[in-house]
Amino acid sequence: MPTTAWFGKAPTPAGAEEADISGHVAAGWDLRSEAATIAPEYGIERFYLPEGEGLAIQNDMRVRPFGIKLALAADGTAQIKALLDGDKTLFEEPLY
């Protein structure tokens, strides 16, 4: 769960139970309104499944949550490594 955000380099290193993830905020947001919302993209918004298997999972995602395992580089870049349904791994990215 996100706790803080900043533009540029983190002011302090992440704690033992924390991680810094880099994201991108598209132009067009405005912090002057009371309902200001910033929606960063982290490069992990999509996960591609084998052909023919995605529709059933997409329908299931509408009724229950799924999770991911991700790899996080030292510079904060994230990459999805696996798609999870509870404790069950549905798909895992192959090692390259």
Protein backbone atom coordinates (compact mmCIF):
# COMPACT_ATOMS: atom_id res chain seq x y z
CA MET A 1 0.00 0.00 0.00
CA PRO A 2 1.45 3.40 -0.94
CA THR A 3 2.27 5.66 1.97
CA THR A 4 4.10 8.63 0.43
CA ALA A 5 4.99 10.03 -2.96
CA TRP A 6 7.47 12.58 -4.25
CA PHE A 7 8.84 13.94 -7.49
CA GLY A 8 12.44 13.09 -8.20
CA LYS A 9 14.74 11.12 -5.91
CA ALA A 10 13.43 9.79 -2.59
CA PRO A 11 14.38 12.10 0.29
CA THR A 12 15.30 9.12 2.49
CA PRO A 13 15.96 5.45 1.73
CA ALA A 14 13.11 2.95 2.13
CA GLY A 15 12.85 1.29 5.54
CA ALA A 16 13.31 -2.42 6.23
CA GLU A 17 9.63 -3.23 5.52
CA GLU A 18 9.30 -0.75 2.62
CA ALA A 19 10.27 -0.47 -1.04
CA ASP A 20 10.58 2.46 -3.44
CA ILE A 21 8.85 1.99 -6.79
CA SER A 22 9.23 4.46 -9.66
CA GLY A 23 6.17 5.65 -11.51
CA HIS A 24 5.12 8.17 -14.11
CA VAL A 25 2.37 10.77 -13.79
CA ALA A 26 0.76 11.96 -17.01
CA ALA A 27 0.30 15.66 -17.63
CA GLY A 28 -3.05 17.26 -16.90
CA TRP A 29 -3.51 16.82 -13.15
CA ASP A 30 -4.12 19.76 -10.85
CA LEU A 31 -3.46 19.84 -7.10
CA ARG A 32 -5.34 23.09 -6.54
CA SER A 33 -8.79 21.47 -6.28
CA GLU A 34 -9.98 19.73 -3.11
CA ALA A 35 -10.69 16.55 -5.08
CA ALA A 36 -7.17 16.42 -6.52
CA THR A 37 -6.11 12.98 -7.64
CA ILE A 38 -2.79 11.83 -8.99
CA ALA A 39 -2.83 8.43 -10.66
CA PRO A 40 0.74 7.26 -11.26
CA GLU A 41 1.53 4.42 -13.64
CA TYR A 42 4.22 1.99 -12.57
CA GLY A 43 4.60 -0.08 -15.73
CA ILE A 44 2.83 -3.04 -14.10
CA GLU A 45 -0.74 -2.19 -15.10
CA ARG A 46 -0.97 -5.02 -17.66
CA PHE A 47 -0.18 -8.70 -17.60
CA TYR A 48 -0.37 -10.70 -20.82
CA LEU A 49 -1.69 -14.25 -20.63
CA PRO A 50 -1.44 -17.11 -23.11
CA GLU A 51 -3.95 -16.81 -25.94
CA GLY A 52 -7.37 -18.16 -25.06
CA GLU A 53 -6.85 -18.07 -21.27
CA GLY A 54 -7.30 -14.41 -20.47
CA LEU A 55 -11.08 -13.98 -20.82
CA ALA A 56 -11.99 -16.41 -18.02
CA ILE A 57 -9.50 -14.75 -15.66
CA GLN A 58 -10.66 -11.28 -16.67
CA ASN A 59 -14.25 -12.26 -15.78
CA ASP A 60 -13.10 -13.73 -12.43
CA MET A 61 -11.24 -10.48 -11.62
CA ARG A 62 -14.59 -8.71 -11.58
CA VAL A 63 -15.79 -10.79 -8.62
CA ARG A 64 -12.65 -11.42 -6.56
CA PRO A 65 -9.15 -9.97 -6.21
CA PHE A 66 -6.05 -11.42 -7.83
CA GLY A 67 -2.45 -10.63 -6.94
CA ILE A 68 0.94 -10.38 -8.56
CA LYS A 69 4.54 -11.13 -7.69
CA LEU A 70 6.91 -8.52 -8.98
CA ALA A 71 10.59 -7.91 -9.23
CA LEU A 72 11.81 -4.51 -8.13
CA ALA A 73 15.17 -3.21 -9.35
CA ALA A 74 17.41 -1.01 -7.22
CA ASP A 75 16.34 2.03 -9.29
CA GLY A 76 12.63 1.40 -8.49
CA THR A 77 11.69 -0.13 -11.84
CA ALA A 78 9.08 -2.87 -11.41
CA GLN A 79 8.24 -5.90 -13.55
CA ILE A 80 5.43 -8.42 -13.04
CA LYS A 81 6.78 -11.94 -12.60
CA ALA A 82 3.64 -13.95 -11.76
CA LEU A 83 -0.16 -13.73 -11.57
CA LEU A 84 -1.75 -15.18 -8.41
CA ASP A 85 -5.27 -16.32 -7.52
CA GLY A 86 -5.03 -16.36 -3.74
CA ASP A 87 -2.06 -18.63 -2.94
CA LYS A 88 -2.20 -20.36 -6.33
CA THR A 89 0.23 -19.21 -9.05
CA LEU A 90 -1.69 -19.08 -12.34
CA PHE A 91 1.08 -17.92 -14.64
CA GLU A 92 4.76 -17.20 -14.17
CA GLU A 93 7.08 -15.30 -16.48
CA PRO A 94 9.85 -17.53 -17.83
CA LEU A 95 13.46 -16.75 -17.01
CA TYR A 96 15.21 -15.17 -19.98
